[in-house]
Amino acid sequence: MIELGCGVGAMGLALSQICSKVLLTDGEESTLDIARLNVGERENVVIRRLSWGEEGEVERILEEEGAFDLVVGCDLLYYSVDVEELFRCVLRLIETSSSSLFLHSHIIRLPQGEEELLKVGNKLGLDHYVIVRSSEK
């Protein structure tokens, strides 16, 4: 399992209870320092820097860590980000395994955020399923 944009590592730590190996990634080294403190000596958790748009980053991770069955992200759209770079990274990570799945949970905070997300996902051929919208309680 790989988590994109792990922040301080809370979701990855929770998932490390049920996943045999967890790779936490984020583009900010200072954030990863906090995640390292939170993870401590947990043997099944690895922390690495990953910037979605940087040439060769995903390939290096795949070469060193192998394929991932599960790619997760939470609030990856918290700030204005390049959605296409994010989804290209996801596609590269999930194409290595026919059973891979990308799970993303978020609250839309930016104007037209969900519209952009769906537009780029459709353009790149990603199937999507909306499970729950916060306005649908």
Protein backbone atom coordinates (compact mmCIF):
# COMPACT_ATOMS: atom_id res chain seq x y z
CA MET A 1 0.00 0.00 0.00
CA ILE A 2 1.26 3.46 -0.87
CA GLU A 3 -0.18 6.68 0.46
CA LEU A 4 0.25 9.85 -1.58
CA GLY A 5 0.44 13.12 0.34
CA CYS A 6 0.67 11.40 3.71
CA GLY A 7 1.14 14.59 5.69
CA VAL A 8 1.96 13.64 9.27
CA GLY A 9 1.16 9.97 8.60
CA ALA A 10 -2.12 9.49 10.48
CA MET A 11 -3.99 7.55 7.79
CA GLY A 12 -0.97 5.45 6.89
CA LEU A 13 -0.42 4.54 10.53
CA ALA A 14 -4.02 3.39 10.80
CA LEU A 15 -3.69 1.33 7.61
CA SER A 16 -0.42 -0.19 8.83
CA GLN A 17 -2.54 -2.17 11.29
CA ILE A 18 -4.12 -4.13 8.41
CA CYS A 19 -1.53 -3.86 5.60
CA SER A 20 1.67 -5.88 5.63
CA LYS A 21 3.71 -3.05 4.09
CA VAL A 22 2.92 0.66 3.95
CA LEU A 23 4.84 3.31 2.02
CA LEU A 24 4.07 6.85 3.11
CA THR A 25 4.97 9.61 0.64
CA ASP A 26 4.77 13.36 0.56
CA GLY A 27 6.44 16.09 -1.46
CA GLU A 28 7.48 18.14 1.57
CA GLU A 29 10.52 16.93 3.50
CA SER A 30 9.54 18.92 6.60
CA THR A 31 6.18 17.12 6.65
CA LEU A 32 7.92 13.77 6.27
CA ASP A 33 10.08 14.60 9.31
CA ILE A 34 6.91 14.85 11.40
CA ALA A 35 5.58 11.61 9.88
CA ARG A 36 8.85 9.89 10.83
CA LEU A 37 8.39 11.00 14.44
CA ASN A 38 4.82 9.69 14.44
CA VAL A 39 5.72 6.36 12.84
CA GLY A 40 8.60 5.67 15.20
CA GLU A 41 10.06 2.17 14.86
CA ARG A 42 7.10 0.54 13.10
CA GLU A 43 8.77 -2.10 10.91
CA ASN A 44 6.13 -2.35 8.19
CA VAL A 45 6.12 1.40 7.41
CA VAL A 46 8.57 3.09 5.03
CA ILE A 47 8.64 6.84 4.44
CA ARG A 48 9.88 8.43 1.20
CA ARG A 49 9.66 11.74 -0.58
CA LEU A 50 7.56 11.70 -3.75
CA SER A 51 6.73 14.72 -5.87
CA TRP A 52 4.06 13.77 -8.39
CA GLY A 53 5.45 15.62 -11.39
CA GLU A 54 9.18 15.00 -10.96
CA GLU A 55 10.74 12.95 -13.74
CA GLY A 56 11.65 9.42 -12.72
CA GLU A 57 10.37 9.63 -9.12
CA VAL A 58 7.56 7.09 -9.53
CA GLU A 59 9.79 4.76 -11.53
CA ARG A 60 12.44 4.80 -8.78
CA ILE A 61 9.85 3.95 -6.15
CA LEU A 62 8.40 1.12 -8.25
CA GLU A 63 11.88 -0.25 -8.92
CA GLU A 64 12.85 -0.17 -5.25
CA GLU A 65 9.51 -1.05 -3.62
CA GLY A 66 7.70 -3.15 -6.24
CA ALA A 67 4.05 -2.97 -7.33
CA PHE A 68 1.23 -1.69 -5.13
CA ASP A 69 -2.23 -3.21 -4.81
CA LEU A 70 -3.60 -0.12 -3.12
CA VAL A 71 -2.88 3.58 -3.67
CA VAL A 72 -4.58 5.91 -1.21
CA GLY A 73 -4.83 9.63 -0.71
CA CYS A 74 -6.72 11.86 1.66
CA ASP A 75 -7.26 15.57 1.04
CA LEU A 76 -4.78 15.63 -1.82
CA LEU A 77 -6.65 18.64 -3.17
CA TYR A 78 -6.37 20.64 0.03
CA TYR A 79 -4.36 23.27 -1.82
CA SER A 80 -4.43 24.11 -5.50
CA VAL A 81 -2.53 21.25 -7.12
CA ASP A 82 -1.95 20.00 -10.63
CA VAL A 83 -4.66 17.35 -10.79
CA GLU A 84 -3.29 15.94 -14.03
CA GLU A 85 0.17 15.38 -12.47
CA LEU A 86 -1.50 13.67 -9.52
CA PHE A 87 -3.56 11.35 -11.73
CA ARG A 88 -0.62 10.55 -14.02
CA CYS A 89 1.32 9.52 -10.91
CA VAL A 90 -1.62 7.37 -9.77
CA LEU A 91 -1.94 5.76 -13.21
CA ARG A 92 1.76 4.88 -13.24
CA LEU A 93 1.46 3.33 -9.77
CA ILE A 94 -1.65 1.26 -10.51
CA GLU A 95 -0.67 0.08 -13.98
CA THR A 96 1.88 -2.30 -12.48
CA SER A 97 -0.81 -4.57 -11.06
CA SER A 98 -4.08 -5.61 -12.71
CA SER A 99 -5.84 -5.59 -9.34
CA SER A 100 -4.64 -2.17 -8.15
CA LEU A 101 -7.09 0.32 -6.72
CA PHE A 102 -6.86 4.06 -6.01
CA LEU A 103 -8.94 5.35 -3.12
CA HIS A 104 -9.17 9.09 -2.59
CA SER A 105 -11.22 10.86 0.01
CA HIS A 106 -11.56 14.59 0.14
CA ILE A 107 -13.60 17.62 0.94
CA ILE A 108 -13.82 20.02 -1.97
CA ARG A 109 -12.40 23.30 -0.72
CA LEU A 110 -11.61 24.99 -4.02
CA PRO A 111 -14.14 26.48 -6.44
CA GLN A 112 -14.81 24.02 -9.28
CA GLY A 113 -12.56 21.50 -7.50
CA GLU A 114 -14.77 18.45 -8.04
CA GLU A 115 -15.51 19.48 -11.62
CA GLU A 116 -11.77 19.67 -12.36
CA LEU A 117 -11.15 16.36 -10.65
CA LEU A 118 -13.78 14.55 -12.73
CA LYS A 119 -12.79 16.29 -15.97
CA VAL A 120 -9.12 15.33 -15.69
CA GLY A 121 -9.98 11.82 -14.49
CA ASN A 122 -12.23 11.27 -17.49
CA LYS A 123 -9.61 12.70 -19.86
CA LEU A 124 -7.04 10.18 -18.58
CA GLY A 125 -9.47 7.26 -18.62
CA LEU A 126 -9.87 6.80 -14.87
CA ASP A 127 -13.12 5.21 -13.78
CA HIS A 128 -14.56 6.86 -10.70
CA TYR A 129 -17.24 6.10 -8.23
CA VAL A 130 -18.62 8.60 -5.76
CA ILE A 131 -19.48 6.78 -2.57
CA VAL A 132 -20.75 9.63 -0.37
CA ARG A 133 -20.92 13.36 -0.80
CA SER A 134 -20.89 15.39 2.40
CA SER A 135 -24.11 17.12 1.35
CA GLU A 136 -25.83 13.69 1.11
CA LYS A 137 -26.11 12.79 4.77
